[in-house]
PDB file of all heavy atoms in Angstrom:
ATOM      1  N   THR A   1     121.183 110.762  83.366  1.00  0.00           N
ATOM      2  CA  THR A   1     120.070 110.040  82.777  1.00  0.00           C
ATOM      3  C   THR A   1     120.110 110.152  81.273  1.00  0.00           C
ATOM      4  O   THR A   1     120.317 111.234  80.733  1.00  0.00           O
ATOM      5  CB  THR A   1     118.710 110.560  83.278  1.00  0.00           C
ATOM      6  OG1 THR A   1     118.522 111.927  82.900  1.00  0.00           O
ATOM      7  CG2 THR A   1     118.587 110.474  84.800  1.00  0.00           C
ATOM      8  N   PHE A   2     119.926 108.999  80.629  1.00  0.00           N
ATOM      9  CA  PHE A   2     119.903 108.937  79.168  1.00  0.00           C
ATOM     10  C   PHE A   2     118.592 108.259  78.764  1.00  0.00           C
ATOM     11  O   PHE A   2     118.350 107.117  79.132  1.00  0.00           O
ATOM     12  CB  PHE A   2     121.091 108.159  78.631  1.00  0.00           C
ATOM     13  CG  PHE A   2     122.449 108.693  79.076  1.00  0.00           C
ATOM     14  CD1 PHE A   2     123.132 108.164  80.146  1.00  0.00           C
ATOM     15  CD2 PHE A   2     122.985 109.753  78.398  1.00  0.00           C
ATOM     16  CE1 PHE A   2     124.355 108.649  80.548  1.00  0.00           C
ATOM     17  CE2 PHE A   2     124.250 110.263  78.765  1.00  0.00           C
ATOM     18  CZ  PHE A   2     124.900 109.728  79.844  1.00  0.00           C
ATOM     19  N   ASN A   3     117.787 108.996  77.996  1.00  0.00           N
ATOM     20  CA  ASN A   3     116.448 108.492  77.642  1.00  0.00           C
ATOM     21  C   ASN A   3     116.210 108.680  76.141  1.00  0.00           C
ATOM     22  O   ASN A   3     116.645 109.691  75.584  1.00  0.00           O
ATOM     23  CB  ASN A   3     115.406 109.225  78.478  1.00  0.00           C
ATOM     24  CG  ASN A   3     114.030 108.572  78.354  1.00  0.00           C
ATOM     25  OD1 ASN A   3     113.903 107.401  78.029  1.00  0.00           O
ATOM     26  ND2 ASN A   3     112.994 109.359  78.596  1.00  0.00           N
ATOM     27  N   HIS A   4     115.546 107.733  75.532  1.00  0.00           N
ATOM     28  CA  HIS A   4     115.240 107.816  74.101  1.00  0.00           C
ATOM     29  C   HIS A   4     116.524 108.020  73.266  1.00  0.00           C
ATOM     30  O   HIS A   4     116.709 109.002  72.598  1.00  0.00           O
ATOM     31  CB  HIS A   4     114.243 108.956  73.827  1.00  0.00           C
ATOM     32  CG  HIS A   4     112.956 108.783  74.556  1.00  0.00           C
ATOM     33  ND1 HIS A   4     112.546 109.651  75.541  1.00  0.00           N
ATOM     34  CD2 HIS A   4     111.987 107.855  74.469  1.00  0.00           C
ATOM     35  CE1 HIS A   4     111.377 109.248  76.029  1.00  0.00           C
ATOM     36  NE2 HIS A   4     111.021 108.161  75.411  1.00  0.00           N
ATOM     37  N   ILE A   5     117.372 107.038  73.343  1.00  0.00           N
ATOM     38  CA  ILE A   5     118.662 107.054  72.681  1.00  0.00           C
ATOM     39  C   ILE A   5     118.660 106.005  71.545  1.00  0.00           C
ATOM     40  O   ILE A   5     118.315 104.859  71.768  1.00  0.00           O
ATOM     41  CB  ILE A   5     119.821 106.738  73.633  1.00  0.00           C
ATOM     42  CG1 ILE A   5     119.734 107.598  74.917  1.00  0.00           C
ATOM     43  CG2 ILE A   5     121.158 106.890  72.955  1.00  0.00           C
ATOM     44  CD1 ILE A   5     119.879 109.064  74.677  1.00  0.00           C
ATOM     45  N   THR A   6     119.032 106.450  70.347  1.00  0.00           N
ATOM     46  CA  THR A   6     119.155 105.529  69.218  1.00  0.00           C
ATOM     47  C   THR A   6     120.611 105.527  68.786  1.00  0.00           C
ATOM     48  O   THR A   6     121.165 106.593  68.445  1.00  0.00           O
ATOM     49  CB  THR A   6     118.263 105.952  68.040  1.00  0.00           C
ATOM     50  OG1 THR A   6     116.895 105.929  68.485  1.00  0.00           O
ATOM     51  CG2 THR A   6     118.441 105.017  66.872  1.00  0.00           C
ATOM     52  N   ILE A   7     121.229 104.343  68.791  1.00  0.00           N
ATOM     53  CA  ILE A   7     122.611 104.221  68.362  1.00  0.00           C
ATOM     54  C   ILE A   7     122.614 103.348  67.110  1.00  0.00           C
ATOM     55  O   ILE A   7     122.119 102.212  67.139  1.00  0.00           O
ATOM     56  CB  ILE A   7     123.465 103.625  69.481  1.00  0.00           C
ATOM     57  CG1 ILE A   7     123.559 104.632  70.624  1.00  0.00           C
ATOM     58  CG2 ILE A   7     124.851 103.239  68.973  1.00  0.00           C
ATOM     59  CD1 ILE A   7     124.227 104.106  71.874  1.00  0.00           C
ATOM     60  N   THR A   8     123.172 103.888  66.014  1.00  0.00           N
ATOM     61  CA  THR A   8     123.076 103.207  64.739  1.00  0.00           C
ATOM     62  C   THR A   8     124.399 102.619  64.295  1.00  0.00           C
ATOM     63  O   THR A   8     124.497 102.075  63.189  1.00  0.00           O
ATOM     64  CB  THR A   8     122.567 104.151  63.640  1.00  0.00           C
ATOM     65  OG1 THR A   8     123.466 105.288  63.547  1.00  0.00           O
ATOM     66  CG2 THR A   8     121.179 104.667  63.982  1.00  0.00           C
ATOM     67  N   GLY A   9     125.403 102.672  65.139  1.00  0.00           N
ATOM     68  CA  GLY A   9     126.682 102.079  64.799  1.00  0.00           C
ATOM     69  C   GLY A   9     127.752 102.460  65.804  1.00  0.00           C
ATOM     70  O   GLY A   9     127.781 103.590  66.298  1.00  0.00           O
ATOM     71  N   ALA A  10     128.658 101.511  66.102  1.00  0.00           N
ATOM     72  CA  ALA A  10     129.796 101.800  66.934  1.00  0.00           C
ATOM     73  C   ALA A  10     130.837 100.720  66.711  1.00  0.00           C
ATOM     74  O   ALA A  10     130.592  99.535  66.914  1.00  0.00           O
ATOM     75  CB  ALA A  10     129.402 101.847  68.424  1.00  0.00           C
ATOM     76  N   GLY A  11     132.045 101.150  66.316  1.00  0.00           N
ATOM     77  CA  GLY A  11     133.128 100.210  66.091  1.00  0.00           C
ATOM     78  C   GLY A  11     133.674  99.646  67.362  1.00  0.00           C
ATOM     79  O   GLY A  11     134.399  98.631  67.343  1.00  0.00           O
ATOM     80  N   LYS A  12     133.325 100.245  68.492  1.00  0.00           N
ATOM     81  CA  LYS A  12     133.682  99.708  69.819  1.00  0.00           C
ATOM     82  C   LYS A  12     132.352  99.520  70.595  1.00  0.00           C
ATOM     83  O   LYS A  12     131.594  98.626  70.275  1.00  0.00           O
ATOM     84  CB  LYS A  12     134.684 100.608  70.527  1.00  0.00           C
ATOM     85  CG  LYS A  12     136.040 100.656  69.848  1.00  0.00           C
ATOM     86  CD  LYS A  12     136.994 101.610  70.545  1.00  0.00           C
ATOM     87  CE  LYS A  12     138.338 101.658  69.790  1.00  0.00           C
ATOM     88  NZ  LYS A  12     139.250 102.696  70.352  1.00  0.00           N
ATOM     89  N   SER A  13     132.080 100.409  71.563  1.00  0.00           N
ATOM     90  CA  SER A  13     130.913 100.223  72.413  1.00  0.00           C
ATOM     91  C   SER A  13     129.756 101.129  71.977  1.00  0.00           C
ATOM     92  O   SER A  13     129.968 102.285  71.654  1.00  0.00           O
ATOM     93  CB  SER A  13     131.241 100.496  73.865  1.00  0.00           C
ATOM     94  OG  SER A  13     132.211  99.604  74.355  1.00  0.00           O
ATOM     95  N   GLY A  14     128.569 100.556  72.024  1.00  0.00           N
ATOM     96  CA  GLY A  14     127.376 101.382  71.884  1.00  0.00           C
ATOM     97  C   GLY A  14     127.188 102.226  73.145  1.00  0.00           C
ATOM     98  O   GLY A  14     127.133 103.442  73.097  1.00  0.00           O
ATOM     99  N   LEU A  15     127.090 101.533  74.287  1.00  0.00           N
ATOM    100  CA  LEU A  15     127.045 102.197  75.598  1.00  0.00           C
ATOM    101  C   LEU A  15     128.298 101.749  76.361  1.00  0.00           C
ATOM    102  O   LEU A  15     128.409 100.608  76.802  1.00  0.00           O
ATOM    103  CB  LEU A  15     125.799 101.752  76.383  1.00  0.00           C
ATOM    104  CG  LEU A  15     124.466 102.028  75.686  1.00  0.00           C
ATOM    105  CD1 LEU A  15     123.305 101.456  76.529  1.00  0.00           C
ATOM    106  CD2 LEU A  15     124.237 103.493  75.396  1.00  0.00           C
ATOM    107  N   GLY A  16     129.274 102.646  76.465  1.00  0.00           N
ATOM    108  CA  GLY A  16     130.549 102.331  77.105  1.00  0.00           C
ATOM    109  C   GLY A  16     130.756 103.120  78.395  1.00  0.00           C
ATOM    110  O   GLY A  16     130.329 104.299  78.476  1.00  0.00           O
ATOM    111  N   MET A  17     131.409 102.505  79.349  1.00  0.00           N
ATOM    112  CA  MET A  17     131.716 103.200  80.592  1.00  0.00           C
ATOM    113  C   MET A  17     132.967 102.595  81.171  1.00  0.00           C
ATOM    114  O   MET A  17     133.008 101.380  81.445  1.00  0.00           O
ATOM    115  CB  MET A  17     130.562 103.048  81.584  1.00  0.00           C
ATOM    116  CG  MET A  17     130.795 103.664  82.954  1.00  0.00           C
ATOM    117  SD  MET A  17     129.414 103.315  84.122  1.00  0.00           S
ATOM    118  CE  MET A  17     128.062 104.237  83.342  1.00  0.00           C
ATOM    119  N   VAL A  18     133.985 103.409  81.372  1.00  0.00           N
ATOM    120  CA  VAL A  18     135.199 102.926  81.997  1.00  0.00           C
ATOM    121  C   VAL A  18     135.657 103.893  83.075  1.00  0.00           C
ATOM    122  O   VAL A  18     135.468 105.105  82.967  1.00  0.00           O
ATOM    123  CB  VAL A  18     136.344 102.732  80.968  1.00  0.00           C
ATOM    124  CG1 VAL A  18     135.966 101.688  79.944  1.00  0.00           C
ATOM    125  CG2 VAL A  18     136.726 104.022  80.283  1.00  0.00           C
ATOM    126  N   SER A  19     136.208 103.356  84.146  1.00  0.00           N
ATOM    127  CA  SER A  19     136.893 104.164  85.154  1.00  0.00           C
ATOM    128  C   SER A  19     138.340 103.710  85.121  1.00  0.00           C
ATOM    129  O   SER A  19     138.697 102.693  85.722  1.00  0.00           O
ATOM    130  CB  SER A  19     136.279 103.964  86.548  1.00  0.00           C
ATOM    131  OG  SER A  19     137.063 104.622  87.537  1.00  0.00           O
ATOM    132  N   MET A  20     139.181 104.506  84.462  1.00  0.00           N
ATOM    133  CA  MET A  20     140.579 104.126  84.274  1.00  0.00           C
ATOM    134  C   MET A  20     141.533 104.873  85.180  1.00  0.00           C
ATOM    135  O   MET A  20     142.659 104.415  85.406  1.00  0.00           O
ATOM    136  CB  MET A  20     141.010 104.342  82.823  1.00  0.00           C
ATOM    137  CG  MET A  20     140.222 103.537  81.797  1.00  0.00           C
ATOM    138  SD  MET A  20     140.415 101.746  82.015  1.00  0.00           S
ATOM    139  CE  MET A  20     142.181 101.556  81.737  1.00  0.00           C
ATOM    140  N   ASP A  21     141.097 106.012  85.687  1.00  0.00           N
ATOM    141  CA  ASP A  21     142.024 106.904  86.379  1.00  0.00           C
ATOM    142  C   ASP A  21     141.620 107.267  87.802  1.00  0.00           C
ATOM    143  O   ASP A  21     142.079 108.228  88.394  1.00  0.00           O
ATOM    144  CB  ASP A  21     142.175 108.192  85.569  1.00  0.00           C
ATOM    145  CG  ASP A  21     142.621 107.939  84.145  1.00  0.00           C
ATOM    146  OD1 ASP A  21     143.575 107.183  83.977  1.00  0.00           O
ATOM    147  OD2 ASP A  21     142.009 108.475  83.198  1.00  0.00           O
ATOM    148  N   GLY A  22     140.721 106.446  88.396  1.00  0.00           N
ATOM    149  CA  GLY A  22     140.348 106.659  89.769  1.00  0.00           C
ATOM    150  C   GLY A  22     138.971 107.207  90.003  1.00  0.00           C
ATOM    151  O   GLY A  22     138.571 107.433  91.168  1.00  0.00           O
ATOM    152  N   ALA A  23     138.208 107.427  88.962  1.00  0.00           N
ATOM    153  CA  ALA A  23     136.874 108.003  89.116  1.00  0.00           C
ATOM    154  C   ALA A  23     135.890 107.054  89.766  1.00  0.00           C
ATOM    155  O   ALA A  23     135.886 105.849  89.473  1.00  0.00           O
ATOM    156  CB  ALA A  23     136.324 108.475  87.766  1.00  0.00           C
ATOM    157  N   ASP A  24     135.036 107.586  90.608  1.00  0.00           N
ATOM    158  CA  ASP A  24     133.841 106.882  91.073  1.00  0.00           C
ATOM    159  C   ASP A  24     132.676 107.317  90.177  1.00  0.00           C
ATOM    160  O   ASP A  24     132.329 108.485  90.148  1.00  0.00           O
ATOM    161  CB  ASP A  24     133.519 107.211  92.517  1.00  0.00           C
ATOM    162  CG  ASP A  24     134.551 106.613  93.497  1.00  0.00           C
ATOM    163  OD1 ASP A  24     135.200 105.616  93.104  1.00  0.00           O
ATOM    164  OD2 ASP A  24     134.691 107.137  94.608  1.00  0.00           O
ATOM    165  N   ILE A  25     132.102 106.351  89.449  1.00  0.00           N
ATOM    166  CA  ILE A  25     131.005 106.622  88.531  1.00  0.00           C
ATOM    167  C   ILE A  25     129.757 105.988  89.164  1.00  0.00           C
ATOM    168  O   ILE A  25     129.726 104.761  89.401  1.00  0.00           O
ATOM    169  CB  ILE A  25     131.262 106.050  87.140  1.00  0.00           C
ATOM    170  CG1 ILE A  25     132.580 106.589  86.583  1.00  0.00           C
ATOM    171  CG2 ILE A  25     130.121 106.387  86.184  1.00  0.00           C
ATOM    172  CD1 ILE A  25     132.982 105.975  85.248  1.00  0.00           C
ATOM    173  N   SER A  26     128.708 106.797  89.398  1.00  0.00           N
ATOM    174  CA  SER A  26     127.539 106.279  90.065  1.00  0.00           C
ATOM    175  C   SER A  26     126.276 106.970  89.631  1.00  0.00           C
ATOM    176  O   SER A  26     126.343 108.089  89.085  1.00  0.00           O
ATOM    177  CB  SER A  26     127.693 106.371  91.584  1.00  0.00           C
ATOM    178  OG  SER A  26     127.732 107.745  91.986  1.00  0.00           O
ATOM    179  N   ASP A  27     125.127 106.338  89.880  1.00  0.00           N
ATOM    180  CA  ASP A  27     123.848 106.965  89.625  1.00  0.00           C
ATOM    181  C   ASP A  27     123.700 107.337  88.159  1.00  0.00           C
ATOM    182  O   ASP A  27     123.457 108.513  87.806  1.00  0.00           O
ATOM    183  CB  ASP A  27     123.670 108.197  90.501  1.00  0.00           C
ATOM    184  CG  ASP A  27     122.223 108.646  90.641  1.00  0.00           C
ATOM    185  OD1 ASP A  27     121.332 107.867  90.251  1.00  0.00           O
ATOM    186  OD2 ASP A  27     121.979 109.782  91.062  1.00  0.00           O
ATOM    187  N   VAL A  28     123.835 106.322  87.297  1.00  0.00           N
ATOM    188  CA  VAL A  28     123.730 106.526  85.842  1.00  0.00           C
ATOM    189  C   VAL A  28     122.605 105.629  85.370  1.00  0.00           C
ATOM    190  O   VAL A  28     122.542 104.426  85.687  1.00  0.00           O
ATOM    191  CB  VAL A  28     125.033 106.148  85.135  1.00  0.00           C
ATOM    192  CG1 VAL A  28     124.891 106.355  83.644  1.00  0.00           C
ATOM    193  CG2 VAL A  28     126.195 106.964  85.658  1.00  0.00           C
ATOM    194  N   HIS A  29     121.686 106.223  84.561  1.00  0.00           N
ATOM    195  CA  HIS A  29     120.469 105.513  84.208  1.00  0.00           C
ATOM    196  C   HIS A  29     120.190 105.648  82.717  1.00  0.00           C
ATOM    197  O   HIS A  29     120.107 106.732  82.179  1.00  0.00           O
ATOM    198  CB  HIS A  29     119.339 106.078  85.010  1.00  0.00           C
ATOM    199  CG  HIS A  29     119.612 106.074  86.508  1.00  0.00           C
ATOM    200  ND1 HIS A  29     119.521 104.960  87.284  1.00  0.00           N
ATOM    201  CD2 HIS A  29     120.087 107.074  87.309  1.00  0.00           C
ATOM    202  CE1 HIS A  29     119.888 105.247  88.534  1.00  0.00           C
ATOM    203  NE2 HIS A  29     120.242 106.532  88.575  1.00  0.00           N
ATOM    204  N   TYR A  30     120.038 104.487  82.054  1.00  0.00           N
ATOM    205  CA  TYR A  30     119.741 104.430  80.625  1.00  0.00           C
ATOM    206  C   TYR A  30     118.331 103.852  80.481  1.00  0.00           C
ATOM    207  O   TYR A  30     117.995 102.845  81.104  1.00  0.00           O
ATOM    208  CB  TYR A  30     120.708 103.490  79.914  1.00  0.00           C
ATOM    209  CG  TYR A  30     122.162 103.842  80.020  1.00  0.00           C
ATOM    210  CD1 TYR A  30     122.933 103.303  81.065  1.00  0.00           C
ATOM    211  CD2 TYR A  30     122.816 104.628  79.084  1.00  0.00           C
ATOM    212  CE1 TYR A  30     124.309 103.586  81.177  1.00  0.00           C
ATOM    213  CE2 TYR A  30     124.171 104.924  79.181  1.00  0.00           C
ATOM    214  CZ  TYR A  30     124.891 104.363  80.229  1.00  0.00           C
ATOM    215  OH  TYR A  30     126.242 104.666  80.327  1.00  0.00           O
ATOM    216  N   SER A  31     117.521 104.452  79.621  1.00  0.00           N
ATOM    217  CA  SER A  31     116.196 103.920  79.370  1.00  0.00           C
ATOM    218  C   SER A  31     115.791 104.187  77.928  1.00  0.00           C
ATOM    219  O   SER A  31     116.208 105.190  77.325  1.00  0.00           O
ATOM    220  CB  SER A  31     115.157 104.541  80.319  1.00  0.00           C
ATOM    221  OG  SER A  31     115.099 105.935  80.175  1.00  0.00           O
ATOM    222  N   ASN A  32     115.001 103.255  77.376  1.00  0.00           N
ATOM    223  CA  ASN A  32     114.497 103.393  76.020  1.00  0.00           C
ATOM    224  C   ASN A  32     115.621 103.602  75.006  1.00  0.00           C
ATOM    225  O   ASN A  32     115.691 104.631  74.351  1.00  0.00           O
ATOM    226  CB  ASN A  32     113.467 104.504  75.954  1.00  0.00           C
ATOM    227  CG  ASN A  32     112.331 104.318  76.940  1.00  0.00           C
ATOM    228  OD1 ASN A  32     111.705 103.250  76.963  1.00  0.00           O
ATOM    229  ND2 ASN A  32     112.040 105.310  77.758  1.00  0.00           N
ATOM    230  N   VAL A  33     116.497 102.624  74.937  1.00  0.00           N
ATOM    231  CA  VAL A  33     117.667 102.697  74.099  1.00  0.00           C
ATOM    232  C   VAL A  33     117.555 101.612  73.001  1.00  0.00           C
ATOM    233  O   VAL A  33     117.224 100.454  73.315  1.00  0.00           O
ATOM    234  CB  VAL A  33     118.968 102.498  74.902  1.00  0.00           C
ATOM    235  CG1 VAL A  33     120.178 102.543  73.986  1.00  0.00           C
ATOM    236  CG2 VAL A  33     119.068 103.533  76.012  1.00  0.00           C
ATOM    237  N   THR A  34     117.886 101.964  71.790  1.00  0.00           N
ATOM    238  CA  THR A  34     117.957 101.024  70.668  1.00  0.00           C
ATOM    239  C   THR A  34     119.350 101.075  70.075  1.00  0.00           C
ATOM    240  O   THR A  34     119.838 102.143  69.741  1.00  0.00           O
ATOM    241  CB  THR A  34     116.915 101.375  69.594  1.00  0.00           C
ATOM    242  OG1 THR A  34     115.607 101.324  70.142  1.00  0.00           O
ATOM    243  CG2 THR A  34     116.987 100.354  68.448  1.00  0.00           C
ATOM    244  N   LEU A  35     119.981  99.888  69.991  1.00  0.00           N
ATOM    245  CA  LEU A  35     121.343  99.818  69.445  1.00  0.00           C
ATOM    246  C   LEU A  35     121.329  98.873  68.218  1.00  0.00           C
ATOM    247  O   LEU A  35     120.681  97.830  68.229  1.00  0.00           O
ATOM    248  CB  LEU A  35     122.306  99.246  70.471  1.00  0.00           C
ATOM    249  CG  LEU A  35     122.380  99.869  71.846  1.00  0.00           C
ATOM    250  CD1 LEU A  35     121.755  98.966  72.881  1.00  0.00           C
ATOM    251  CD2 LEU A  35     123.831 100.184  72.239  1.00  0.00           C
ATOM    252  N   SER A  36     122.069  99.292  67.227  1.00  0.00           N
ATOM    253  CA  SER A  36     122.287  98.451  66.035  1.00  0.00           C
ATOM    254  C   SER A  36     123.664  98.699  65.488  1.00  0.00           C
ATOM    255  O   SER A  36     124.221  99.805  65.637  1.00  0.00           O
ATOM    256  CB  SER A  36     121.200  98.675  64.982  1.00  0.00           C
ATOM    257  OG  SER A  36     121.252 100.010  64.539  1.00  0.00           O
ATOM    258  N   GLY A  37     124.245  97.710  64.813  1.00  0.00           N
ATOM    259  CA  GLY A  37     125.521  97.896  64.154  1.00  0.00           C
ATOM    260  C   GLY A  37     126.665  98.178  65.137  1.00  0.00           C
ATOM    261  O   GLY A  37     127.608  98.873  64.771  1.00  0.00           O
ATOM    262  N   VAL A  38     126.604  97.639  66.346  1.00  0.00           N
ATOM    263  CA  VAL A  38     127.647  97.906  67.326  1.00  0.00           C
ATOM    264  C   VAL A  38     128.511  96.659  67.506  1.00  0.00           C
ATOM    265  O   VAL A  38     128.062  95.530  67.471  1.00  0.00           O
ATOM    266  CB  VAL A  38     127.047  98.335  68.699  1.00  0.00           C
ATOM    267  CG1 VAL A  38     126.304  99.639  68.518  1.00  0.00           C
ATOM    268  CG2 VAL A  38     126.129  97.266  69.251  1.00  0.00           C
ATOM    269  N   SER A  39     129.818  96.892  67.774  1.00  0.00           N
ATOM    270  CA  SER A  39     130.697  95.768  68.016  1.00  0.00           C
ATOM    271  C   SER A  39     130.532  95.261  69.453  1.00  0.00           C
ATOM    272  O   SER A  39     130.626  94.056  69.702  1.00  0.00           O
ATOM    273  CB  SER A  39     132.159  96.192  67.790  1.00  0.00           C
ATOM    274  OG  SER A  39     132.399  96.398  66.420  1.00  0.00           O
ATOM    275  N   SER A  40     130.289  96.157  70.401  1.00  0.00           N
ATOM    276  CA  SER A  40     130.029  95.795  71.785  1.00  0.00           C
ATOM    277  C   SER A  40     128.800  96.561  72.240  1.00  0.00           C
ATOM    278  O   SER A  40     128.852  97.788  72.358  1.00  0.00           O
ATOM    279  CB  SER A  40     131.249  96.149  72.649  1.00  0.00           C
ATOM    280  OG  SER A  40     130.911  96.006  74.030  1.00  0.00           O
ATOM    281  N   PRO A  41     127.684  95.903  72.512  1.00  0.00           N
ATOM    282  CA  PRO A  41     126.488  96.656  72.884  1.00  0.00           C
ATOM    283  C   PRO A  41     126.692  97.450  74.173  1.00  0.00           C
ATOM    284  O   PRO A  41     126.394  98.641  74.221  1.00  0.00           O
ATOM    285  CB  PRO A  41     125.421  95.579  73.049  1.00  0.00           C
ATOM    286  CG  PRO A  41     125.930  94.402  72.288  1.00  0.00           C
ATOM    287  CD  PRO A  41     127.394  94.475  72.365  1.00  0.00           C
ATOM    288  N   ILE A  42     127.193  96.786  75.199  1.00  0.00           N
ATOM    289  CA  ILE A  42     127.366  97.413  76.520  1.00  0.00           C
ATOM    290  C   ILE A  42     128.693  96.944  77.097  1.00  0.00           C
ATOM    291  O   ILE A  42     128.990  95.744  77.118  1.00  0.00           O
ATOM    292  CB  ILE A  42     126.205  97.036  77.467  1.00  0.00           C
ATOM    293  CG1 ILE A  42     124.869  97.573  76.921  1.00  0.00           C
ATOM    294  CG2 ILE A  42     126.473  97.600  78.884  1.00  0.00           C
ATOM    295  CD1 ILE A  42     123.662  97.070  77.700  1.00  0.00           C
ATOM    296  N   MET A  43     129.474  97.910  77.566  1.00  0.00           N
ATOM    297  CA  MET A  43     130.788  97.548  78.140  1.00  0.00           C
ATOM    298  C   MET A  43     131.041  98.479  79.340  1.00  0.00           C
ATOM    299  O   MET A  43     130.974  99.697  79.245  1.00  0.00           O
ATOM    300  CB  MET A  43     131.892  97.800  77.093  1.00  0.00           C
ATOM    301  CG  MET A  43     133.303  97.799  77.596  1.00  0.00           C
ATOM    302  SD  MET A  43     133.898  96.163  77.976  1.00  0.00           S
ATOM    303  CE  MET A  43     135.635  96.547  78.410  1.00  0.00           C
ATOM    304  N   GLU A  44     131.329  97.848  80.489  1.00  0.00           N
ATOM    305  CA  GLU A  44     131.739  98.605  81.682  1.00  0.00           C
ATOM    306  C   GLU A  44     133.027  97.970  82.210  1.00  0.00           C
ATOM    307  O   GLU A  44     133.141  96.735  82.276  1.00  0.00           O
ATOM    308  CB  GLU A  44     130.671  98.594  82.750  1.00  0.00           C
ATOM    309  CG  GLU A  44     129.405  99.300  82.361  1.00  0.00           C
ATOM    310  CD  GLU A  44     128.379  99.367  83.482  1.00  0.00           C
ATOM    311  OE1 GLU A  44     128.695  98.884  84.607  1.00  0.00           O
ATOM    312  OE2 GLU A  44     127.267  99.867  83.257  1.00  0.00           O
ATOM    313  N   LYS A  45     133.991  98.847  82.551  1.00  0.00           N
ATOM    314  CA  LYS A  45     135.277  98.312  83.012  1.00  0.00           C
ATOM    315  C   LYS A  45     135.894  99.261  84.022  1.00  0.00           C
ATOM    316  O   LYS A  45     135.875 100.479  83.859  1.00  0.00           O
ATOM    317  CB  LYS A  45     136.206  98.106  81.831  1.00  0.00           C
ATOM    318  CG  LYS A  45     137.580  97.511  82.208  1.00  0.00           C
ATOM    319  CD  LYS A  45     138.469  97.293  80.978  1.00  0.00           C
ATOM    320  CE  LYS A  45     139.784  96.624  81.397  1.00  0.00           C
ATOM    321  NZ  LYS A  45     140.703  96.434  80.271  1.00  0.00           N
TER     322      LYS A  45
END
């Protein structure tokens, strides 16, 4: 769980999530997030 998150810059993702090597990623929760100055606000792959 991620709550009350302020992101003020990211040359790639503000909120990034990748499964590249076989991981199961589940039950992830973002709330009350402010992003600025990001190249990619949200990226999942």
